[in-house]
Amino acid sequence: MTTRQRAPSAARELLTALDRALVPACLLGRRLDVLAQNRLSAALLTDFAARPPAERNHARFVFTDPHARDLFTDWDAVAAATAALLHQDARRNPHDPALAELVGDLSIRRAEFAGHWARPHPRPHAVQTLWHPLVGELTVTCQVLCGAGGFLLVQTAEPDSPSEAALALLAQLVA
């Protein structure tokens, strides 16, 4: 049995500050488990806290949730970047049985995952275009910041752009 990871309170405070700045952000731990996310990230991607604990995983979301395929207009590039992040975690934690179980499960359930897992691993995809059911199309720059305990996934829109306006509208809708 794996010990459940927790987000440090300082990381939660950072997520809240980013929320106020209209920056969706999500803290990913080992295996890309979602440890915490701000409200804007929950509204933009999916509310991981509302999912069962076993489903609070970014890779599971990207590869198994039909909403992810509708959300990311270039789903294949996001899928490749997600597999690359999972590979980074595998290099850090090569003997993690829960990671082996996740990779095995996704490989069996989704042929696309097996294909991405077997390919060379690109750098995480920087620019993403999303189609959100409430605010329409928006383009964000996705940055993945690596730390000792995992990754901070941050999505920013160009200042004074229609995408920034869409994020502001989404923030109002979920306030």
N, C-alpha and C. Protein backbone atom coordinates (compact mmCIF):
# COMPACT_ATOMS: atom_id res chain seq x y z
N MET A 1 0.85 -1.19 0.00
CA MET A 1 0.00 0.00 0.00
C MET A 1 0.89 1.24 0.00
N THR A 2 0.54 2.20 -0.81
CA THR A 2 1.32 3.43 -0.94
C THR A 2 0.81 4.48 0.04
N THR A 3 1.74 5.23 0.60
CA THR A 3 1.37 6.33 1.47
C THR A 3 0.87 7.47 0.60
N ARG A 4 -0.28 8.03 0.97
CA ARG A 4 -0.86 9.14 0.21
C ARG A 4 -0.01 10.38 0.41
N GLN A 5 0.32 11.03 -0.68
CA GLN A 5 1.12 12.25 -0.65
C GLN A 5 0.23 13.42 -0.24
N ARG A 6 0.84 14.44 0.31
CA ARG A 6 0.11 15.64 0.73
C ARG A 6 0.83 16.87 0.17
N ALA A 7 0.05 17.88 -0.13
CA ALA A 7 0.62 19.15 -0.60
C ALA A 7 1.00 19.99 0.62
N PRO A 8 2.22 20.52 0.66
CA PRO A 8 2.61 21.39 1.77
C PRO A 8 1.73 22.65 1.78
N SER A 9 1.53 23.21 2.96
CA SER A 9 0.67 24.39 3.07
C SER A 9 1.22 25.56 2.25
N ALA A 10 2.54 25.69 2.16
CA ALA A 10 3.12 26.78 1.35
C ALA A 10 2.75 26.62 -0.12
N ALA A 11 2.69 25.39 -0.59
CA ALA A 11 2.30 25.15 -1.99
C ALA A 11 0.83 25.51 -2.19
N ARG A 12 -0.01 25.20 -1.21
CA ARG A 12 -1.43 25.57 -1.30
C ARG A 12 -1.59 27.09 -1.32
N GLU A 13 -0.79 27.80 -0.53
CA GLU A 13 -0.84 29.27 -0.52
C GLU A 13 -0.43 29.82 -1.88
N LEU A 14 0.59 29.22 -2.50
CA LEU A 14 1.02 29.65 -3.82
C LEU A 14 -0.09 29.43 -4.85
N LEU A 15 -0.78 28.31 -4.78
CA LEU A 15 -1.88 28.04 -5.70
C LEU A 15 -2.98 29.07 -5.56
N THR A 16 -3.28 29.46 -4.33
CA THR A 16 -4.29 30.48 -4.10
C THR A 16 -3.86 31.83 -4.67
N ALA A 17 -2.60 32.18 -4.49
CA ALA A 17 -2.10 33.44 -5.05
C ALA A 17 -2.16 33.43 -6.57
N LEU A 18 -1.83 32.30 -7.17
CA LEU A 18 -1.89 32.19 -8.63
C LEU A 18 -3.34 32.27 -9.11
N ASP A 19 -4.26 31.76 -8.33
CA ASP A 19 -5.68 31.84 -8.66
C ASP A 19 -6.11 33.31 -8.77
N ARG A 20 -5.68 34.12 -7.82
CA ARG A 20 -6.02 35.55 -7.83
C ARG A 20 -5.42 36.25 -9.04
N ALA A 21 -4.31 35.72 -9.55
CA ALA A 21 -3.64 36.32 -10.71
C ALA A 21 -4.15 35.73 -12.02
N LEU A 22 -5.25 34.98 -11.98
CA LEU A 22 -5.84 34.34 -13.16
C LEU A 22 -4.88 33.34 -13.81
N VAL A 23 -4.15 32.60 -12.97
CA VAL A 23 -3.21 31.60 -13.46
C VAL A 23 -3.64 30.23 -12.93
N PRO A 24 -4.19 29.39 -13.82
CA PRO A 24 -4.52 28.03 -13.40
C PRO A 24 -3.22 27.30 -13.03
N ALA A 25 -3.25 26.58 -11.89
CA ALA A 25 -2.05 25.88 -11.44
C ALA A 25 -2.46 24.61 -10.71
N CYS A 26 -1.60 23.61 -10.86
CA CYS A 26 -1.88 22.28 -10.32
C CYS A 26 -0.57 21.69 -9.81
N LEU A 27 -0.56 21.16 -8.60
CA LEU A 27 0.62 20.54 -8.02
C LEU A 27 0.53 19.03 -8.21
N LEU A 28 1.52 18.49 -8.93
CA LEU A 28 1.55 17.05 -9.22
C LEU A 28 2.66 16.40 -8.42
N GLY A 29 2.33 15.29 -7.77
CA GLY A 29 3.32 14.54 -7.02
C GLY A 29 3.83 13.36 -7.82
N ARG A 30 4.31 12.34 -7.12
CA ARG A 30 4.78 11.13 -7.79
C ARG A 30 3.66 10.55 -8.65
N ARG A 31 4.07 9.99 -9.78
CA ARG A 31 3.13 9.34 -10.72
C ARG A 31 2.14 10.32 -11.33
N LEU A 32 2.40 11.61 -11.19
CA LEU A 32 1.51 12.68 -11.65
C LEU A 32 0.18 12.69 -10.88
N ASP A 33 0.22 12.19 -9.65
CA ASP A 33 -0.95 12.31 -8.78
C ASP A 33 -1.18 13.79 -8.50
N VAL A 34 -2.43 14.22 -8.58
CA VAL A 34 -2.76 15.62 -8.33
C VAL A 34 -2.90 15.80 -6.83
N LEU A 35 -1.97 16.57 -6.26
CA LEU A 35 -1.98 16.80 -4.81
C LEU A 35 -2.85 17.98 -4.44
N ALA A 36 -2.88 18.98 -5.32
CA ALA A 36 -3.69 20.17 -5.07
C ALA A 36 -3.79 20.94 -6.38
N GLN A 37 -4.84 21.73 -6.49
CA GLN A 37 -4.99 22.62 -7.63
C GLN A 37 -5.80 23.82 -7.19
N ASN A 38 -5.61 24.93 -7.88
CA ASN A 38 -6.41 26.09 -7.53
C ASN A 38 -7.77 26.02 -8.24
N ARG A 39 -8.67 26.91 -7.85
CA ARG A 39 -10.05 26.87 -8.39
C ARG A 39 -10.07 27.03 -9.90
N LEU A 40 -9.20 27.90 -10.41
CA LEU A 40 -9.19 28.15 -11.85
C LEU A 40 -8.72 26.92 -12.62
N SER A 41 -7.76 26.19 -12.09
CA SER A 41 -7.33 24.94 -12.71
C SER A 41 -8.45 23.91 -12.70
N ALA A 42 -9.16 23.84 -11.58
CA ALA A 42 -10.29 22.90 -11.48
C ALA A 42 -11.37 23.25 -12.50
N ALA A 43 -11.61 24.54 -12.69
CA ALA A 43 -12.63 24.96 -13.65
C ALA A 43 -12.17 24.78 -15.09
N LEU A 44 -10.87 24.97 -15.34
CA LEU A 44 -10.36 24.86 -16.69
C LEU A 44 -10.20 23.41 -17.14
N LEU A 45 -9.58 22.58 -16.30
CA LEU A 45 -9.30 21.19 -16.67
C LEU A 45 -10.39 20.26 -16.18
N THR A 46 -10.33 19.96 -14.92
CA THR A 46 -11.32 19.14 -14.23
C THR A 46 -11.07 19.30 -12.73
N ASP A 47 -12.09 19.11 -11.94
CA ASP A 47 -11.95 19.23 -10.49
C ASP A 47 -11.49 17.90 -9.93
N PHE A 48 -10.17 17.77 -9.77
CA PHE A 48 -9.61 16.50 -9.31
C PHE A 48 -10.07 16.16 -7.89
N ALA A 49 -10.32 17.16 -7.05
CA ALA A 49 -10.76 16.90 -5.68
C ALA A 49 -12.13 16.23 -5.65
N ALA A 50 -12.92 16.42 -6.70
CA ALA A 50 -14.25 15.82 -6.76
C ALA A 50 -14.21 14.37 -7.27
N ARG A 51 -13.06 13.93 -7.73
CA ARG A 51 -12.92 12.56 -8.24
C ARG A 51 -12.55 11.62 -7.10
N PRO A 52 -12.82 10.34 -7.27
CA PRO A 52 -12.36 9.36 -6.28
C PRO A 52 -10.83 9.44 -6.16
N PRO A 53 -10.26 9.18 -4.99
CA PRO A 53 -8.81 9.31 -4.81
C PRO A 53 -7.98 8.57 -5.86
N ALA A 54 -8.37 7.41 -6.28
CA ALA A 54 -7.59 6.65 -7.27
C ALA A 54 -7.60 7.31 -8.65
N GLU A 55 -8.55 8.21 -8.89
CA GLU A 55 -8.66 8.88 -10.19
C GLU A 55 -8.07 10.29 -10.19
N ARG A 56 -7.44 10.69 -9.10
CA ARG A 56 -6.84 12.03 -9.01
C ARG A 56 -5.42 11.99 -9.57
N ASN A 57 -5.34 11.72 -10.84
CA ASN A 57 -4.05 11.55 -11.50
C ASN A 57 -4.12 12.21 -12.88
N HIS A 58 -3.13 13.05 -13.16
CA HIS A 58 -3.15 13.80 -14.42
C HIS A 58 -3.03 12.87 -15.63
N ALA A 59 -2.20 11.85 -15.56
CA ALA A 59 -2.06 10.92 -16.69
C ALA A 59 -3.36 10.16 -16.93
N ARG A 60 -4.00 9.70 -15.87
CA ARG A 60 -5.29 9.01 -16.04
C ARG A 60 -6.31 9.95 -16.70
N PHE A 61 -6.32 11.21 -16.27
CA PHE A 61 -7.24 12.18 -16.85
C PHE A 61 -6.99 12.34 -18.35
N VAL A 62 -5.74 12.60 -18.72
CA VAL A 62 -5.42 12.84 -20.13
C VAL A 62 -5.74 11.62 -20.98
N PHE A 63 -5.41 10.43 -20.51
CA PHE A 63 -5.54 9.25 -21.36
C PHE A 63 -6.89 8.54 -21.26
N THR A 64 -7.65 8.74 -20.19
CA THR A 64 -8.89 7.95 -20.07
C THR A 64 -10.17 8.77 -20.01
N ASP A 65 -10.07 10.06 -19.78
CA ASP A 65 -11.29 10.87 -19.65
C ASP A 65 -11.68 11.46 -21.01
N PRO A 66 -12.87 11.16 -21.51
CA PRO A 66 -13.29 11.72 -22.80
C PRO A 66 -13.28 13.26 -22.81
N HIS A 67 -13.50 13.87 -21.66
CA HIS A 67 -13.47 15.33 -21.57
C HIS A 67 -12.10 15.88 -21.97
N ALA A 68 -11.02 15.18 -21.62
CA ALA A 68 -9.67 15.65 -21.96
C ALA A 68 -9.49 15.69 -23.47
N ARG A 69 -10.02 14.71 -24.18
CA ARG A 69 -9.90 14.69 -25.64
C ARG A 69 -10.67 15.85 -26.27
N ASP A 70 -11.79 16.23 -25.67
CA ASP A 70 -12.55 17.37 -26.17
C ASP A 70 -11.89 18.69 -25.78
N LEU A 71 -11.28 18.73 -24.61
CA LEU A 71 -10.70 19.95 -24.07
C LEU A 71 -9.45 20.39 -24.81
N PHE A 72 -8.52 19.46 -25.02
CA PHE A 72 -7.25 19.79 -25.66
C PHE A 72 -7.39 19.62 -27.17
N THR A 73 -7.31 20.72 -27.92
CA THR A 73 -7.49 20.62 -29.36
C THR A 73 -6.36 19.84 -30.02
N ASP A 74 -5.16 19.87 -29.43
CA ASP A 74 -4.05 19.03 -29.91
C ASP A 74 -3.77 17.98 -28.84
N TRP A 75 -4.77 17.11 -28.66
CA TRP A 75 -4.68 16.10 -27.61
C TRP A 75 -3.42 15.26 -27.73
N ASP A 76 -3.02 14.91 -28.94
CA ASP A 76 -1.87 14.03 -29.12
C ASP A 76 -0.59 14.66 -28.55
N ALA A 77 -0.41 15.96 -28.75
CA ALA A 77 0.78 16.64 -28.21
C ALA A 77 0.73 16.68 -26.69
N VAL A 78 -0.45 16.92 -26.12
CA VAL A 78 -0.60 16.92 -24.66
C VAL A 78 -0.36 15.52 -24.11
N ALA A 79 -0.84 14.50 -24.82
CA ALA A 79 -0.63 13.12 -24.39
C ALA A 79 0.86 12.77 -24.40
N ALA A 80 1.58 13.20 -25.44
CA ALA A 80 3.02 12.94 -25.53
C ALA A 80 3.75 13.64 -24.38
N ALA A 81 3.38 14.87 -24.09
CA ALA A 81 4.01 15.62 -23.00
C ALA A 81 3.71 14.96 -21.64
N THR A 82 2.51 14.45 -21.49
CA THR A 82 2.13 13.78 -20.24
C THR A 82 2.95 12.51 -20.05
N ALA A 83 3.11 11.73 -21.10
CA ALA A 83 3.94 10.52 -21.02
C ALA A 83 5.38 10.89 -20.70
N ALA A 84 5.86 12.01 -21.27
CA ALA A 84 7.23 12.45 -20.99
C ALA A 84 7.40 12.81 -19.51
N LEU A 85 6.41 13.48 -18.93
CA LEU A 85 6.47 13.80 -17.49
C LEU A 85 6.46 12.53 -16.65
N LEU A 86 5.66 11.56 -17.06
CA LEU A 86 5.62 10.30 -16.33
C LEU A 86 6.97 9.59 -16.41
N HIS A 87 7.64 9.70 -17.56
CA HIS A 87 8.98 9.13 -17.69
C HIS A 87 9.97 9.83 -16.76
N GLN A 88 9.85 11.15 -16.63
CA GLN A 88 10.72 11.87 -15.70
C GLN A 88 10.54 11.33 -14.29
N ASP A 89 9.30 11.09 -13.92
CA ASP A 89 9.03 10.54 -12.59
C ASP A 89 9.61 9.14 -12.47
N ALA A 90 9.53 8.35 -13.53
CA ALA A 90 10.07 6.99 -13.50
C ALA A 90 11.60 7.01 -13.31
N ARG A 91 12.26 8.00 -13.91
CA ARG A 91 13.71 8.11 -13.71
C ARG A 91 14.04 8.49 -12.27
N ARG A 92 13.19 9.31 -11.66
CA ARG A 92 13.42 9.70 -10.26
C ARG A 92 13.11 8.57 -9.29
N ASN A 93 12.10 7.78 -9.61
CA ASN A 93 11.61 6.73 -8.70
C ASN A 93 11.50 5.40 -9.45
N PRO A 94 12.64 4.83 -9.85
CA PRO A 94 12.60 3.65 -10.72
C PRO A 94 12.02 2.39 -10.07
N HIS A 95 11.94 2.35 -8.76
CA HIS A 95 11.45 1.14 -8.10
C HIS A 95 10.08 1.35 -7.44
N ASP A 96 9.28 2.25 -7.98
CA ASP A 96 7.97 2.56 -7.43
C ASP A 96 6.94 1.58 -7.99
N PRO A 97 6.45 0.64 -7.18
CA PRO A 97 5.48 -0.35 -7.70
C PRO A 97 4.16 0.29 -8.13
N ALA A 98 3.76 1.37 -7.49
CA ALA A 98 2.52 2.04 -7.89
C ALA A 98 2.67 2.68 -9.26
N LEU A 99 3.86 3.17 -9.59
CA LEU A 99 4.11 3.73 -10.91
C LEU A 99 4.06 2.61 -11.96
N ALA A 100 4.67 1.48 -11.66
CA ALA A 100 4.63 0.35 -12.58
C ALA A 100 3.18 -0.10 -12.81
N GLU A 101 2.38 -0.09 -11.76
CA GLU A 101 0.97 -0.46 -11.87
C GLU A 101 0.21 0.54 -12.75
N LEU A 102 0.47 1.83 -12.56
CA LEU A 102 -0.19 2.87 -13.36
C LEU A 102 0.18 2.72 -14.84
N VAL A 103 1.48 2.56 -15.13
CA VAL A 103 1.93 2.43 -16.51
C VAL A 103 1.33 1.17 -17.14
N GLY A 104 1.30 0.08 -16.39
CA GLY A 104 0.71 -1.16 -16.90
C GLY A 104 -0.77 -1.00 -17.18
N ASP A 105 -1.49 -0.38 -16.26
CA ASP A 105 -2.92 -0.19 -16.42
C ASP A 105 -3.23 0.70 -17.64
N LEU A 106 -2.52 1.82 -17.77
CA LEU A 106 -2.75 2.71 -18.90
C LEU A 106 -2.35 2.04 -20.21
N SER A 107 -1.29 1.24 -20.19
CA SER A 107 -0.85 0.54 -21.40
C SER A 107 -1.90 -0.47 -21.88
N ILE A 108 -2.53 -1.14 -20.93
CA ILE A 108 -3.56 -2.13 -21.28
C ILE A 108 -4.84 -1.43 -21.73
N ARG A 109 -5.22 -0.37 -21.03
CA ARG A 109 -6.49 0.31 -21.32
C ARG A 109 -6.45 1.21 -22.53
N ARG A 110 -5.29 1.78 -22.85
CA ARG A 110 -5.21 2.77 -23.92
C ARG A 110 -3.97 2.52 -24.79
N ALA A 111 -4.20 2.08 -26.00
CA ALA A 111 -3.10 1.84 -26.94
C ALA A 111 -2.30 3.11 -27.19
N GLU A 112 -2.98 4.27 -27.18
CA GLU A 112 -2.27 5.54 -27.39
C GLU A 112 -1.22 5.77 -26.31
N PHE A 113 -1.55 5.38 -25.08
CA PHE A 113 -0.57 5.55 -24.01
C PHE A 113 0.65 4.68 -24.27
N ALA A 114 0.43 3.42 -24.62
CA ALA A 114 1.54 2.51 -24.89
C ALA A 114 2.43 3.06 -25.99
N GLY A 115 1.83 3.65 -27.02
CA GLY A 115 2.61 4.24 -28.09
C GLY A 115 3.44 5.42 -27.63
N HIS A 116 2.84 6.30 -26.84
CA HIS A 116 3.59 7.46 -26.33
C HIS A 116 4.66 7.03 -25.34
N TRP A 117 4.38 6.03 -24.54
CA TRP A 117 5.34 5.55 -23.54
C TRP A 117 6.57 4.98 -24.23
N ALA A 118 6.39 4.34 -25.38
CA ALA A 118 7.49 3.68 -26.08
C ALA A 118 8.33 4.64 -26.93
N ARG A 119 7.82 5.82 -27.23
CA ARG A 119 8.53 6.78 -28.10
C ARG A 119 9.55 7.59 -27.32
N PRO A 120 10.44 8.26 -28.07
CA PRO A 120 11.32 9.24 -27.40
C PRO A 120 10.46 10.30 -26.71
N HIS A 121 11.00 10.88 -25.70
CA HIS A 121 10.19 11.75 -24.84
C HIS A 121 10.48 13.21 -25.09
N PRO A 122 9.51 13.91 -25.68
CA PRO A 122 9.71 15.34 -25.99
C PRO A 122 9.67 16.17 -24.72
N ARG A 123 10.07 17.40 -24.86
CA ARG A 123 9.91 18.34 -23.76
C ARG A 123 8.41 18.58 -23.60
N PRO A 124 7.97 18.90 -22.41
CA PRO A 124 6.54 19.18 -22.23
C PRO A 124 6.05 20.25 -23.20
N HIS A 125 4.87 20.03 -23.72
CA HIS A 125 4.25 20.90 -24.72
C HIS A 125 4.00 22.27 -24.11
N ALA A 126 4.52 23.31 -24.72
CA ALA A 126 4.46 24.65 -24.12
C ALA A 126 3.15 25.38 -24.41
N VAL A 127 2.71 25.44 -25.66
CA VAL A 127 1.51 26.18 -25.99
C VAL A 127 0.37 25.19 -26.24
N GLN A 128 -0.73 25.42 -25.55
CA GLN A 128 -1.89 24.54 -25.69
C GLN A 128 -3.11 25.38 -26.05
N THR A 129 -3.88 24.87 -27.00
CA THR A 129 -5.16 25.48 -27.31
C THR A 129 -6.23 24.56 -26.74
N LEU A 130 -7.14 25.14 -25.99
CA LEU A 130 -8.19 24.38 -25.35
C LEU A 130 -9.54 24.85 -25.86
N TRP A 131 -10.50 23.96 -25.85
CA TRP A 131 -11.89 24.33 -26.15
C TRP A 131 -12.69 24.03 -24.89
N HIS A 132 -13.02 25.10 -24.16
CA HIS A 132 -13.72 24.95 -22.89
C HIS A 132 -15.22 25.15 -23.12
N PRO A 133 -16.06 24.27 -22.55
CA PRO A 133 -17.50 24.37 -22.80
C PRO A 133 -18.14 25.66 -22.31
N LEU A 134 -17.54 26.35 -21.35
CA LEU A 134 -18.14 27.58 -20.83
C LEU A 134 -17.60 28.85 -21.48
N VAL A 135 -16.33 28.85 -21.87
CA VAL A 135 -15.72 30.09 -22.37
C VAL A 135 -15.15 29.97 -23.78
N GLY A 136 -15.30 28.81 -24.40
CA GLY A 136 -14.83 28.65 -25.78
C GLY A 136 -13.33 28.41 -25.87
N GLU A 137 -12.78 28.84 -27.01
CA GLU A 137 -11.36 28.58 -27.29
C GLU A 137 -10.46 29.53 -26.53
N LEU A 138 -9.39 28.99 -25.98
CA LEU A 138 -8.37 29.81 -25.37
C LEU A 138 -7.02 29.14 -25.54
N THR A 139 -5.99 29.96 -25.61
CA THR A 139 -4.63 29.47 -25.77
C THR A 139 -3.83 29.85 -24.54
N VAL A 140 -3.13 28.88 -23.98
CA VAL A 140 -2.32 29.10 -22.78
C VAL A 140 -0.92 28.56 -23.02
N THR A 141 0.01 29.16 -22.32
CA THR A 141 1.37 28.61 -22.28
C THR A 141 1.44 27.75 -21.03
N CYS A 142 1.77 26.50 -21.23
CA CYS A 142 1.85 25.56 -20.11
C CYS A 142 3.31 25.40 -19.72
N GLN A 143 3.59 25.71 -18.48
CA GLN A 143 4.95 25.56 -17.97
C GLN A 143 4.93 24.52 -16.87
N VAL A 144 5.90 23.65 -16.90
CA VAL A 144 6.02 22.62 -15.88
C VAL A 144 7.29 22.90 -15.11
N LEU A 145 7.13 23.24 -13.84
CA LEU A 145 8.26 23.53 -12.98
C LEU A 145 8.55 22.28 -12.15
N CYS A 146 9.79 21.82 -12.21
CA CYS A 146 10.16 20.58 -11.52
C CYS A 146 10.76 20.90 -10.16
N GLY A 147 10.33 20.15 -9.17
CA GLY A 147 10.89 20.27 -7.83
C GLY A 147 11.21 18.89 -7.29
N ALA A 148 11.72 18.84 -6.09
CA ALA A 148 12.11 17.55 -5.50
C ALA A 148 10.92 16.62 -5.34
N GLY A 149 9.75 17.18 -5.02
CA GLY A 149 8.60 16.34 -4.75
C GLY A 149 7.67 16.12 -5.92
N GLY A 150 7.94 16.78 -7.06
CA GLY A 150 7.03 16.61 -8.18
C GLY A 150 7.10 17.78 -9.13
N PHE A 151 5.93 18.16 -9.64
CA PHE A 151 5.85 19.17 -10.69
C PHE A 151 4.75 20.18 -10.35
N LEU A 152 5.00 21.43 -10.72
CA LEU A 152 3.96 22.45 -10.66
C LEU A 152 3.60 22.79 -12.09
N LEU A 153 2.37 22.50 -12.46
CA LEU A 153 1.88 22.76 -13.80
C LEU A 153 1.15 24.10 -13.77
N VAL A 154 1.66 25.07 -14.54
CA VAL A 154 1.12 26.43 -14.53
C VAL A 154 0.73 26.79 -15.97
N GLN A 155 -0.46 27.37 -16.13
CA GLN A 155 -0.93 27.77 -17.45
C GLN A 155 -1.21 29.27 -17.45
N THR A 156 -0.57 29.98 -18.36
CA THR A 156 -0.73 31.43 -18.42
C THR A 156 -1.23 31.83 -19.81
N ALA A 157 -2.01 32.90 -19.84
CA ALA A 157 -2.49 33.46 -21.09
C ALA A 157 -1.72 34.75 -21.36
N GLU A 158 -1.58 35.07 -22.62
CA GLU A 158 -0.91 36.31 -23.00
C GLU A 158 -1.70 37.50 -22.44
N PRO A 159 -1.02 38.47 -21.86
CA PRO A 159 -1.72 39.63 -21.29
C PRO A 159 -2.57 40.35 -22.35
N ASP A 160 -3.74 40.79 -21.92
CA ASP A 160 -4.68 41.54 -22.77
C ASP A 160 -5.12 40.78 -24.02
N SER A 161 -5.12 39.47 -23.94
CA SER A 161 -5.54 38.65 -25.08
C SER A 161 -6.96 38.13 -24.85
N PRO A 162 -7.61 37.63 -25.89
CA PRO A 162 -8.92 37.00 -25.71
C PRO A 162 -8.84 35.80 -24.74
N SER A 163 -7.71 35.13 -24.72
CA SER A 163 -7.55 33.99 -23.80
C SER A 163 -7.51 34.45 -22.35
N GLU A 164 -6.85 35.58 -22.09
CA GLU A 164 -6.84 36.13 -20.73
C GLU A 164 -8.26 36.54 -20.33
N ALA A 165 -8.99 37.13 -21.27
CA ALA A 165 -10.38 37.49 -21.00
C ALA A 165 -11.22 36.25 -20.72
N ALA A 166 -10.96 35.15 -21.43
CA ALA A 166 -11.69 33.91 -21.20
C ALA A 166 -11.39 33.35 -19.82
N LEU A 167 -10.12 33.44 -19.39
CA LEU A 167 -9.77 32.98 -18.03
C LEU A 167 -10.44 33.86 -16.98
N ALA A 168 -10.51 35.16 -17.23
CA ALA A 168 -11.18 36.07 -16.28
C ALA A 168 -12.67 35.73 -16.19
N LEU A 169 -13.29 35.46 -17.33
CA LEU A 169 -14.69 35.07 -17.33
C LEU A 169 -14.88 33.76 -16.58
N LEU A 170 -14.02 32.79 -16.83
CA LEU A 170 -14.10 31.50 -16.14
C LEU A 170 -13.94 31.70 -14.63
N ALA A 171 -13.02 32.57 -14.22
CA ALA A 171 -12.83 32.85 -12.80
C ALA A 171 -14.11 33.45 -12.19
N GLN A 172 -14.76 34.33 -12.92
CA GLN A 172 -16.02 34.91 -12.43
C GLN A 172 -17.10 33.85 -12.31
N LEU A 173 -17.14 32.95 -13.27
CA LEU A 173 -18.18 31.92 -13.27
C LEU A 173 -18.03 30.94 -12.11
N VAL A 174 -16.80 30.73 -11.64
CA VAL A 174 -16.58 29.77 -10.55
C VAL A 174 -16.39 30.44 -9.20
N ALA A 175 -16.44 31.77 -9.17
CA ALA A 175 -16.24 32.51 -7.91
C ALA A 175 -17.39 32.25 -6.95
